[in-house]
C-alpha atoms as a PDB file:
ATOM      1  CA  UNK A   1       0.438   0.260   0.253  1.00  0.00           C
ATOM      2  CA  UNK A   2       1.614   3.084  -0.764  1.00  0.00           C
ATOM      3  CA  UNK A   3       1.507   5.940   2.084  1.00  0.00           C
ATOM      4  CA  UNK A   4       1.000   9.226   0.187  1.00  0.00           C
ATOM      5  CA  UNK A   5      -0.641  11.052   3.356  1.00  0.00           C
ATOM      6  CA  UNK A   6      -0.481  10.492   6.979  1.00  0.00           C
ATOM      7  CA  UNK A   7      -3.077  11.508   9.714  1.00  0.00           C
ATOM      8  CA  UNK A   8      -1.499  12.727  13.046  1.00  0.00           C
ATOM      9  CA  UNK A   9      -3.253  12.558  16.157  1.00  0.00           C
ATOM     10  CA  UNK A  10      -1.813  13.225  19.419  1.00  0.00           C
ATOM     11  CA  UNK A  11      -2.925  12.516  23.152  1.00  0.00           C
ATOM     12  CA  UNK A  12      -3.826  16.746  24.042  1.00  0.00           C
ATOM     13  CA  UNK A  13      -2.305  18.510  26.808  1.00  0.00           C
ATOM     14  CA  UNK A  14       1.001  16.164  26.783  1.00  0.00           C
ATOM     15  CA  UNK A  15       4.102  18.778  25.898  1.00  0.00           C
ATOM     16  CA  UNK A  16       5.873  15.921  24.691  1.00  0.00           C
ATOM     17  CA  UNK A  17       3.106  14.709  22.414  1.00  0.00           C
ATOM     18  CA  UNK A  18       3.401  18.036  20.658  1.00  0.00           C
ATOM     19  CA  UNK A  19       7.469  18.183  20.765  1.00  0.00           C
ATOM     20  CA  UNK A  20       6.612  14.614  19.011  1.00  0.00           C
ATOM     21  CA  UNK A  21       4.233  16.063  16.643  1.00  0.00           C
ATOM     22  CA  UNK A  22       6.265  18.866  15.312  1.00  0.00           C
ATOM     23  CA  UNK A  23       9.443  16.027  14.972  1.00  0.00           C
ATOM     24  CA  UNK A  24       7.069  13.971  12.798  1.00  0.00           C
ATOM     25  CA  UNK A  25       5.930  17.009  10.744  1.00  0.00           C
ATOM     26  CA  UNK A  26       9.588  17.625   9.721  1.00  0.00           C
ATOM     27  CA  UNK A  27      10.216  14.259   9.061  1.00  0.00           C
ATOM     28  CA  UNK A  28       7.207  13.768   6.714  1.00  0.00           C
ATOM     29  CA  UNK A  29       7.829  17.273   5.114  1.00  0.00           C
ATOM     30  CA  UNK A  30      11.766  16.058   4.438  1.00  0.00           C
ATOM     31  CA  UNK A  31      10.110  13.226   2.912  1.00  0.00           C
ATOM     32  CA  UNK A  32       7.308  14.938   0.192  1.00  0.00           C
ATOM     33  CA  UNK A  33       4.404  12.702   2.509  1.00  0.00           C
ATOM     34  CA  UNK A  34       1.522  14.779   2.770  1.00  0.00           C
ATOM     35  CA  UNK A  35       0.314  15.399   6.806  1.00  0.00           C
ATOM     36  CA  UNK A  36      -2.776  15.880   8.288  1.00  0.00           C
ATOM     37  CA  UNK A  37      -2.818  16.607  12.081  1.00  0.00           C
ATOM     38  CA  UNK A  38      -6.461  16.500  14.442  1.00  0.00           C
ATOM     39  CA  UNK A  39      -7.154  19.834  16.145  1.00  0.00           C
ATOM     40  CA  UNK A  40      -3.850  19.165  19.323  1.00  0.00           C
ATOM     41  CA  UNK A  41      -1.508  18.235  16.334  1.00  0.00           C
ATOM     42  CA  UNK A  42      -2.209  21.050  14.262  1.00  0.00           C
ATOM     43  CA  UNK A  43      -1.501  23.759  17.251  1.00  0.00           C
ATOM     44  CA  UNK A  44       1.820  22.256  18.384  1.00  0.00           C
ATOM     45  CA  UNK A  45       2.827  22.206  14.453  1.00  0.00           C
ATOM     46  CA  UNK A  46       1.076  25.653  13.425  1.00  0.00           C
ATOM     47  CA  UNK A  47      -0.877  24.126  10.734  1.00  0.00           C
ATOM     48  CA  UNK A  48      -4.790  23.887   9.946  1.00  0.00           C
ATOM     49  CA  UNK A  49      -6.469  21.050  12.009  1.00  0.00           C
ATOM     50  CA  UNK A  50      -9.231  19.075  10.829  1.00  0.00           C
ATOM     51  CA  UNK A  51     -11.165  16.363  12.750  1.00  0.00           C
ATOM     52  CA  UNK A  52     -10.347  12.938  13.517  1.00  0.00           C
ATOM     53  CA  UNK A  53     -13.067  11.505  11.425  1.00  0.00           C
ATOM     54  CA  UNK A  54     -11.359  13.426   8.467  1.00  0.00           C
ATOM     55  CA  UNK A  55      -8.709  12.113   9.386  1.00  0.00           C
ATOM     56  CA  UNK A  56     -10.136   8.469   8.545  1.00  0.00           C
ATOM     57  CA  UNK A  57     -11.389   9.297   5.589  1.00  0.00           C
ATOM     58  CA  UNK A  58      -8.440  11.101   3.544  1.00  0.00           C
ATOM     59  CA  UNK A  59      -5.731   9.537   5.611  1.00  0.00           C
ATOM     60  CA  UNK A  60      -3.275   6.578   4.163  1.00  0.00           C
ATOM     61  CA  UNK A  61      -2.228   6.223   7.671  1.00  0.00           C
ATOM     62  CA  UNK A  62      -2.719   7.607  11.142  1.00  0.00           C
ATOM     63  CA  UNK A  63       0.186   7.871  13.504  1.00  0.00           C
ATOM     64  CA  UNK A  64      -1.288   8.455  17.212  1.00  0.00           C
ATOM     65  CA  UNK A  65       1.347  10.057  19.345  1.00  0.00           C
ATOM     66  CA  UNK A  66       0.367   9.288  23.053  1.00  0.00           C
ATOM     67  CA  UNK A  67      -0.973   5.651  24.587  1.00  0.00           C
ATOM     68  CA  UNK A  68      -3.061   2.874  24.444  1.00  0.00           C
ATOM     69  CA  UNK A  69      -6.111   5.082  25.659  1.00  0.00           C
ATOM     70  CA  UNK A  70      -5.302   7.882  22.686  1.00  0.00           C
ATOM     71  CA  UNK A  71      -5.272   5.093  20.348  1.00  0.00           C
ATOM     72  CA  UNK A  72      -8.675   3.458  21.207  1.00  0.00           C
ATOM     73  CA  UNK A  73     -10.580   6.738  21.194  1.00  0.00           C
ATOM     74  CA  UNK A  74      -8.544   7.216  17.477  1.00  0.00           C
ATOM     75  CA  UNK A  75      -9.774   3.763  16.689  1.00  0.00           C
ATOM     76  CA  UNK A  76     -13.189   4.727  17.266  1.00  0.00           C
ATOM     77  CA  UNK A  77     -13.203   8.270  15.209  1.00  0.00           C
ATOM     78  CA  UNK A  78     -11.810   5.752  12.185  1.00  0.00           C
ATOM     79  CA  UNK A  79     -15.179   4.004  12.100  1.00  0.00           C
ATOM     80  CA  UNK A  80     -15.322   0.881   9.446  1.00  0.00           C
ATOM     81  CA  UNK A  81     -12.862   2.590   7.209  1.00  0.00           C
ATOM     82  CA  UNK A  82      -9.681   0.025   7.151  1.00  0.00           C
ATOM     83  CA  UNK A  83      -6.768   3.010   7.482  1.00  0.00           C
ATOM     84  CA  UNK A  84      -3.944   1.326   9.458  1.00  0.00           C
ATOM     85  CA  UNK A  85      -3.187   3.083  12.451  1.00  0.00           C
ATOM     86  CA  UNK A  86       0.744   3.355  14.099  1.00  0.00           C
ATOM     87  CA  UNK A  87       1.069   3.926  17.969  1.00  0.00           C
ATOM     88  CA  UNK A  88       3.893   5.799  19.190  1.00  0.00           C
ATOM     89  CA  UNK A  89       3.381   5.282  23.252  1.00  0.00           C
ATOM     90  CA  UNK A  90       4.857   8.904  25.076  1.00  0.00           C
ATOM     91  CA  UNK A  91       5.586   6.701  28.335  1.00  0.00           C
ATOM     92  CA  UNK A  92       6.009   3.262  28.838  1.00  0.00           C
ATOM     93  CA  UNK A  93       5.640   0.617  26.880  1.00  0.00           C
ATOM     94  CA  UNK A  94       1.713   0.170  25.930  1.00  0.00           C
ATOM     95  CA  UNK A  95      -0.493  -3.208  24.450  1.00  0.00           C
ATOM     96  CA  UNK A  96      -1.541  -1.126  21.515  1.00  0.00           C
ATOM     97  CA  UNK A  97       1.047   1.510  21.106  1.00  0.00           C
ATOM     98  CA  UNK A  98       4.155  -0.264  20.954  1.00  0.00           C
ATOM     99  CA  UNK A  99       6.597   1.804  19.069  1.00  0.00           C
ATOM    100  CA  UNK A 100       8.373   4.351  22.066  1.00  0.00           C
ATOM    101  CA  UNK A 101       9.112   8.027  20.294  1.00  0.00           C
ATOM    102  CA  UNK A 102      13.062   6.745  20.209  1.00  0.00           C
ATOM    103  CA  UNK A 103      11.943   4.228  17.523  1.00  0.00           C
ATOM    104  CA  UNK A 104       9.688   6.163  15.710  1.00  0.00           C
ATOM    105  CA  UNK A 105      11.473   6.860  12.936  1.00  0.00           C
ATOM    106  CA  UNK A 106      12.652   3.975  12.038  1.00  0.00           C
ATOM    107  CA  UNK A 107       9.355   2.258  12.157  1.00  0.00           C
ATOM    108  CA  UNK A 108       7.999   5.085   9.997  1.00  0.00           C
ATOM    109  CA  UNK A 109      10.876   4.486   7.429  1.00  0.00           C
ATOM    110  CA  UNK A 110       9.538   0.767   6.854  1.00  0.00           C
ATOM    111  CA  UNK A 111       6.265   1.789   6.737  1.00  0.00           C
ATOM    112  CA  UNK A 112       6.898   4.358   4.469  1.00  0.00           C
ATOM    113  CA  UNK A 113       8.416   1.789   2.168  1.00  0.00           C
ATOM    114  CA  UNK A 114       5.878  -1.050   2.988  1.00  0.00           C
ATOM    115  CA  UNK A 115       7.921  -3.244   4.835  1.00  0.00           C
ATOM    116  CA  UNK A 116       5.481  -3.576   8.034  1.00  0.00           C
ATOM    117  CA  UNK A 117       2.515  -5.358   8.240  1.00  0.00           C
ATOM    118  CA  UNK A 118      -0.963  -4.737   9.165  1.00  0.00           C
ATOM    119  CA  UNK A 119      -2.677  -6.703  12.010  1.00  0.00           C
ATOM    120  CA  UNK A 120      -6.656  -6.815  12.092  1.00  0.00           C
ATOM    121  CA  UNK A 121      -7.788  -6.221  15.510  1.00  0.00           C
ATOM    122  CA  UNK A 122     -11.096  -7.727  16.205  1.00  0.00           C
ATOM    123  CA  UNK A 123     -13.998  -5.492  17.757  1.00  0.00           C
ATOM    124  CA  UNK A 124     -17.274  -6.368  18.964  1.00  0.00           C
ATOM    125  CA  UNK A 125     -20.905  -4.550  17.693  1.00  0.00           C
ATOM    126  CA  UNK A 126     -22.504  -3.617  21.142  1.00  0.00           C
ATOM    127  CA  UNK A 127     -26.185  -3.053  20.651  1.00  0.00           C
ATOM    128  CA  UNK A 128     -28.382  -2.398  23.471  1.00  0.00           C
ATOM    129  CA  UNK A 129     -32.409  -2.531  23.468  1.00  0.00           C
ATOM    130  CA  UNK A 130     -34.878  -1.076  25.627  1.00  0.00           C
ATOM    131  CA  UNK A 131     -38.299  -1.883  26.027  1.00  0.00           C
ATOM    132  CA  UNK A 132     -37.939  -4.438  22.952  1.00  0.00           C
ATOM    133  CA  UNK A 133     -36.536  -0.984  20.846  1.00  0.00           C
ATOM    134  CA  UNK A 134     -32.952  -0.401  19.618  1.00  0.00           C
ATOM    135  CA  UNK A 135     -31.473   2.632  21.748  1.00  0.00           C
ATOM    136  CA  UNK A 136     -27.926   2.770  21.014  1.00  0.00           C
ATOM    137  CA  UNK A 137     -25.058   0.893  19.600  1.00  0.00           C
ATOM    138  CA  UNK A 138     -21.451   0.956  19.899  1.00  0.00           C
ATOM    139  CA  UNK A 139     -17.867  -0.788  18.933  1.00  0.00           C
ATOM    140  CA  UNK A 140     -15.438  -1.886  21.323  1.00  0.00           C
ATOM    141  CA  UNK A 141     -11.582  -2.592  20.281  1.00  0.00           C
ATOM    142  CA  UNK A 142     -11.159  -3.314  24.262  1.00  0.00           C
ATOM    143  CA  UNK A 143     -14.254  -4.756  26.153  1.00  0.00           C
ATOM    144  CA  UNK A 144     -17.614  -3.399  27.312  1.00  0.00           C
ATOM    145  CA  UNK A 145     -18.416  -3.946  30.788  1.00  0.00           C
ATOM    146  CA  UNK A 146     -21.757  -3.790  32.588  1.00  0.00           C
ATOM    147  CA  UNK A 147     -20.510  -2.526  36.582  1.00  0.00           C
ATOM    148  CA  UNK A 148     -22.339  -0.812  39.464  1.00  0.00           C
ATOM    149  CA  UNK A 149     -21.791   2.809  39.025  1.00  0.00           C
ATOM    150  CA  UNK A 150     -22.983   4.155  42.734  1.00  0.00           C
ATOM    151  CA  UNK A 151     -21.120   4.956  45.665  1.00  0.00           C
ATOM    152  CA  UNK A 152     -22.415   2.095  47.130  1.00  0.00           C
ATOM    153  CA  UNK A 153     -21.628  -1.247  45.599  1.00  0.00           C
ATOM    154  CA  UNK A 154     -24.437  -3.959  45.062  1.00  0.00           C
ATOM    155  CA  UNK A 155     -24.640  -6.637  43.183  1.00  0.00           C
ATOM    156  CA  UNK A 156     -25.955  -7.054  39.799  1.00  0.00           C
ATOM    157  CA  UNK A 157     -27.989 -10.022  37.902  1.00  0.00           C
ATOM    158  CA  UNK A 158     -26.842 -10.389  34.239  1.00  0.00           C
ATOM    159  CA  UNK A 159     -29.325 -12.981  32.579  1.00  0.00           C
ATOM    160  CA  UNK A 160     -26.419 -14.455  29.745  1.00  0.00           C
ATOM    161  CA  UNK A 161     -27.205 -16.706  26.514  1.00  0.00           C
ATOM    162  CA  UNK A 162     -24.514 -17.277  23.886  1.00  0.00           C
ATOM    163  CA  UNK A 163     -26.231 -18.182  20.393  1.00  0.00           C
ATOM    164  CA  UNK A 164     -30.022 -18.499  22.316  1.00  0.00           C
ATOM    165  CA  UNK A 165     -28.595 -20.870  24.711  1.00  0.00           C
ATOM    166  CA  UNK A 166     -28.711 -20.244  28.378  1.00  0.00           C
ATOM    167  CA  UNK A 167     -24.630 -19.910  29.945  1.00  0.00           C
ATOM    168  CA  UNK A 168     -25.474 -18.764  33.772  1.00  0.00           C
ATOM    169  CA  UNK A 169     -27.274 -15.730  35.396  1.00  0.00           C
ATOM    170  CA  UNK A 170     -23.768 -13.694  36.703  1.00  0.00           C
ATOM    171  CA  UNK A 171     -24.255 -12.477  40.387  1.00  0.00           C
ATOM    172  CA  UNK A 172     -21.769 -10.211  40.637  1.00  0.00           C
ATOM    173  CA  UNK A 173     -20.534  -6.919  40.952  1.00  0.00           C
ATOM    174  CA  UNK A 174     -20.627  -6.790  36.679  1.00  0.00           C
ATOM    175  CA  UNK A 175     -19.361  -8.043  33.582  1.00  0.00           C
ATOM    176  CA  UNK A 176     -16.697  -7.564  31.318  1.00  0.00           C
ATOM    177  CA  UNK A 177     -17.396  -9.044  27.727  1.00  0.00           C
ATOM    178  CA  UNK A 178     -13.412  -8.474  26.039  1.00  0.00           C
ATOM    179  CA  UNK A 179     -11.777  -8.803  22.877  1.00  0.00           C
ATOM    180  CA  UNK A 180      -8.457 -10.859  22.554  1.00  0.00           C
ATOM    181  CA  UNK A 181      -6.689  -7.214  22.494  1.00  0.00           C
ATOM    182  CA  UNK A 182      -8.771  -5.991  25.169  1.00  0.00           C
ATOM    183  CA  UNK A 183      -7.543  -9.124  27.675  1.00  0.00           C
ATOM    184  CA  UNK A 184      -4.898  -7.383  29.249  1.00  0.00           C
ATOM    185  CA  UNK A 185      -7.003  -4.628  30.533  1.00  0.00           C
ATOM    186  CA  UNK A 186      -9.665  -5.062  32.533  1.00  0.00           C
ATOM    187  CA  UNK A 187     -10.509  -8.235  31.887  1.00  0.00           C
ATOM    188  CA  UNK A 188      -7.226  -9.358  32.782  1.00  0.00           C
ATOM    189  CA  UNK A 189      -6.944  -7.589  36.200  1.00  0.00           C
ATOM    190  CA  UNK A 190     -10.293  -8.851  37.245  1.00  0.00           C
ATOM    191  CA  UNK A 191      -9.144 -12.652  36.868  1.00  0.00           C
ATOM    192  CA  UNK A 192      -9.867 -13.330  33.020  1.00  0.00           C
ATOM    193  CA  UNK A 193      -7.212 -15.363  31.146  1.00  0.00           C
ATOM    194  CA  UNK A 194      -4.427 -13.651  28.605  1.00  0.00           C
ATOM    195  CA  UNK A 195      -5.274 -14.132  24.896  1.00  0.00           C
ATOM    196  CA  UNK A 196      -3.348 -13.472  22.092  1.00  0.00           C
ATOM    197  CA  UNK A 197      -4.606 -11.080  19.489  1.00  0.00           C
ATOM    198  CA  UNK A 198      -4.773 -13.599  16.647  1.00  0.00           C
ATOM    199  CA  UNK A 199      -6.986 -15.787  18.702  1.00  0.00           C
ATOM    200  CA  UNK A 200     -10.737 -16.142  17.282  1.00  0.00           C
ATOM    201  CA  UNK A 201     -12.427 -15.826  20.986  1.00  0.00           C
ATOM    202  CA  UNK A 202     -13.662 -13.317  23.125  1.00  0.00           C
ATOM    203  CA  UNK A 203     -13.885 -13.386  27.097  1.00  0.00           C
ATOM    204  CA  UNK A 204     -16.671 -13.104  29.550  1.00  0.00           C
ATOM    205  CA  UNK A 205     -14.941 -12.159  32.679  1.00  0.00           C
ATOM    206  CA  UNK A 206     -17.589 -11.729  35.519  1.00  0.00           C
ATOM    207  CA  UNK A 207     -16.055  -9.137  38.527  1.00  0.00           C
ATOM    208  CA  UNK A 208     -16.439 -10.070  41.962  1.00  0.00           C
ATOM    209  CA  UNK A 209     -18.816 -12.756  41.172  1.00  0.00           C
ATOM    210  CA  UNK A 210     -20.679 -13.885  44.395  1.00  0.00           C
ATOM    211  CA  UNK A 211     -19.790 -17.500  44.129  1.00  0.00           C
ATOM    212  CA  UNK A 212     -16.677 -18.731  43.112  1.00  0.00           C
ATOM    213  CA  UNK A 213     -17.852 -21.287  40.616  1.00  0.00           C
ATOM    214  CA  UNK A 214     -18.750 -18.042  38.172  1.00  0.00           C
ATOM    215  CA  UNK A 215     -15.457 -18.061  36.563  1.00  0.00           C
ATOM    216  CA  UNK A 216     -14.314 -15.968  33.161  1.00  0.00           C
ATOM    217  CA  UNK A 217     -14.982 -18.292  30.366  1.00  0.00           C
ATOM    218  CA  UNK A 218     -13.504 -17.965  26.433  1.00  0.00           C
ATOM    219  CA  UNK A 219     -16.061 -18.242  23.511  1.00  0.00           C
ATOM    220  CA  UNK A 220     -15.855 -18.541  20.309  1.00  0.00           C
ATOM    221  CA  UNK A 221     -15.931 -15.396  18.046  1.00  0.00           C
ATOM    222  CA  UNK A 222     -18.604 -16.601  15.988  1.00  0.00           C
ATOM    223  CA  UNK A 223     -20.852 -16.657  19.047  1.00  0.00           C
ATOM    224  CA  UNK A 224     -24.003 -14.281  19.659  1.00  0.00           C
ATOM    225  CA  UNK A 225     -23.614 -13.211  22.896  1.00  0.00           C
ATOM    226  CA  UNK A 226     -26.711 -11.528  24.790  1.00  0.00           C
ATOM    227  CA  UNK A 227     -27.355 -10.419  28.337  1.00  0.00           C
ATOM    228  CA  UNK A 228     -30.617  -8.766  30.328  1.00  0.00           C
ATOM    229  CA  UNK A 229     -29.728  -6.628  33.040  1.00  0.00           C
ATOM    230  CA  UNK A 230     -31.464  -6.924  36.230  1.00  0.00           C
ATOM    231  CA  UNK A 231     -29.816  -4.062  38.949  1.00  0.00           C
ATOM    232  CA  UNK A 232     -30.751  -5.119  42.443  1.00  0.00           C
ATOM    233  CA  UNK A 233     -30.182  -1.910  43.620  1.00  0.00           C
ATOM    234  CA  UNK A 234     -28.053   1.186  42.939  1.00  0.00           C
ATOM    235  CA  UNK A 235     -27.052   2.550  39.417  1.00  0.00           C
ATOM    236  CA  UNK A 236     -25.454   0.458  36.675  1.00  0.00           C
ATOM    237  CA  UNK A 237     -23.419   1.467  33.773  1.00  0.00           C
ATOM    238  CA  UNK A 238     -22.383   0.131  30.366  1.00  0.00           C
ATOM    239  CA  UNK A 239     -19.131   1.560  29.512  1.00  0.00           C
ATOM    240  CA  UNK A 240     -17.175   0.922  26.154  1.00  0.00           C
ATOM    241  CA  UNK A 241     -13.413   0.693  25.544  1.00  0.00           C
ATOM    242  CA  UNK A 242     -13.150   2.743  29.100  1.00  0.00           C
ATOM    243  CA  UNK A 243     -14.902   5.944  27.283  1.00  0.00           C
ATOM    244  CA  UNK A 244     -18.425   6.341  26.392  1.00  0.00           C
ATOM    245  CA  UNK A 245     -21.390   4.334  27.537  1.00  0.00           C
ATOM    246  CA  UNK A 246     -24.711   4.645  29.188  1.00  0.00           C
ATOM    247  CA  UNK A 247     -27.102   4.187  32.278  1.00  0.00           C
ATOM    248  CA  UNK A 248     -28.723   0.740  32.082  1.00  0.00           C
ATOM    249  CA  UNK A 249     -32.410   0.380  33.422  1.00  0.00           C
ATOM    250  CA  UNK A 250     -34.088  -3.064  34.725  1.00  0.00           C
ATOM    251  CA  UNK A 251     -34.533  -5.301  31.588  1.00  0.00           C
ATOM    252  CA  UNK A 252     -32.173  -3.571  29.468  1.00  0.00           C
ATOM    253  CA  UNK A 253     -30.995  -6.276  26.895  1.00  0.00           C
ATOM    254  CA  UNK A 254     -27.367  -5.754  25.074  1.00  0.00           C
ATOM    255  CA  UNK A 255     -26.330  -7.718  21.863  1.00  0.00           C
ATOM    256  CA  UNK A 256     -23.031  -8.414  21.447  1.00  0.00           C
ATOM    257  CA  UNK A 257     -21.186 -10.243  18.460  1.00  0.00           C
ATOM    258  CA  UNK A 258     -17.771 -10.142  16.461  1.00  0.00           C
ATOM    259  CA  UNK A 259     -18.051  -6.644  14.520  1.00  0.00           C
ATOM    260  CA  UNK A 260     -17.543  -7.240  10.328  1.00  0.00           C
ATOM    261  CA  UNK A 261     -15.231  -4.031  10.879  1.00  0.00           C
ATOM    262  CA  UNK A 262     -12.267  -5.047  12.772  1.00  0.00           C
ATOM    263  CA  UNK A 263      -9.523  -2.309  13.687  1.00  0.00           C
ATOM    264  CA  UNK A 264      -6.013  -2.465  11.628  1.00  0.00           C
ATOM    265  CA  UNK A 265      -2.717  -1.874  13.887  1.00  0.00           C
ATOM    266  CA  UNK A 266       0.682  -1.294  11.376  1.00  0.00           C
ATOM    267  CA  UNK A 267       2.699  -3.473  13.299  1.00  0.00           C
ATOM    268  CA  UNK A 268       6.087  -2.840  13.500  1.00  0.00           C
ATOM    269  CA  UNK A 269       8.384  -6.417  14.639  1.00  0.00           C
ATOM    270  CA  UNK A 270      10.813  -4.335  16.919  1.00  0.00           C
ATOM    271  CA  UNK A 271       9.634  -6.760  19.529  1.00  0.00           C
ATOM    272  CA  UNK A 272       7.228  -9.830  19.805  1.00  0.00           C
ATOM    273  CA  UNK A 273       4.227 -10.292  21.589  1.00  0.00           C
ATOM    274  CA  UNK A 274       5.811 -12.342  24.501  1.00  0.00           C
ATOM    275  CA  UNK A 275       8.289  -9.259  25.276  1.00  0.00           C
ATOM    276  CA  UNK A 276       5.474  -7.240  25.217  1.00  0.00           C
ATOM    277  CA  UNK A 277       3.580  -9.240  28.097  1.00  0.00           C
ATOM    278  CA  UNK A 278       7.189  -9.671  29.943  1.00  0.00           C
ATOM    279  CA  UNK A 279       7.693  -5.734  29.455  1.00  0.00           C
ATOM    280  CA  UNK A 280       4.323  -4.888  31.045  1.00  0.00           C
ATOM    281  CA  UNK A 281       3.151  -7.170  33.415  1.00  0.00           C
ATOM    282  CA  UNK A 282       6.602  -8.835  34.961  1.00  0.00           C
ATOM    283  CA  UNK A 283       5.449 -11.970  32.769  1.00  0.00           C
ATOM    284  CA  UNK A 284       7.094 -15.020  33.672  1.00  0.00           C
ATOM    285  CA  UNK A 285       9.119 -13.681  36.336  1.00  0.00           C
ATOM    286  CA  UNK A 286       9.644 -14.820  39.982  1.00  0.00           C
END
């Protein structure tokens, strides 16, 4: 794929991100590659900016200068167009933004030369129904979480089925439905398994279940999940990728399935997936 136009998005309010955007703008200009900037990156480089959704429509590659949270926000703005995203991490190594600032130019050289692999990351379509009517929908790269948002934790009953067959009714503080990409996020903290990105599945991880027999379960990616919410007091919230969501009511029905529109990440072969796990999680250390 020829890269003629690069979109640049940065984490707002971070001086290091602004400095990296200026360095990137110079690098692109020297190589005759056109650049588009989101509003925060544009302010940093002194150019006109455009919305992230416009970057997605017009760019051949989007470079994200920030962390995993910034990349999640950009992936949401991209919507359905299969434009690849390259994440440049400004702090410690990320699970999504795996390339450090020091490695940025080397990774970009290979990207422009077409030497980097594009990796499809599964997303979930999350549809919310209320009273038998469609209310809203989301697309999750990491996870969709149902949890109690009140000051006092209350148990929630979550009546769960897959492909029309009852799974269980979770009696818990909440439930995480995670993609393989999101398996190293909230789901992992709640006791869920680590899945490599290419595994064709997703995970149901209960949050503090009332019974120890309700453990995380891995479902095939073709499964169609349905969760009916029964709050037992308190306020219940749906949160998608930790960044957007909706308050839930008694009887609300969530339908979750694999999206036909994955996120496309540009993978720099600078380190293996297992090296990322070891560096981020101290995985396997004694």
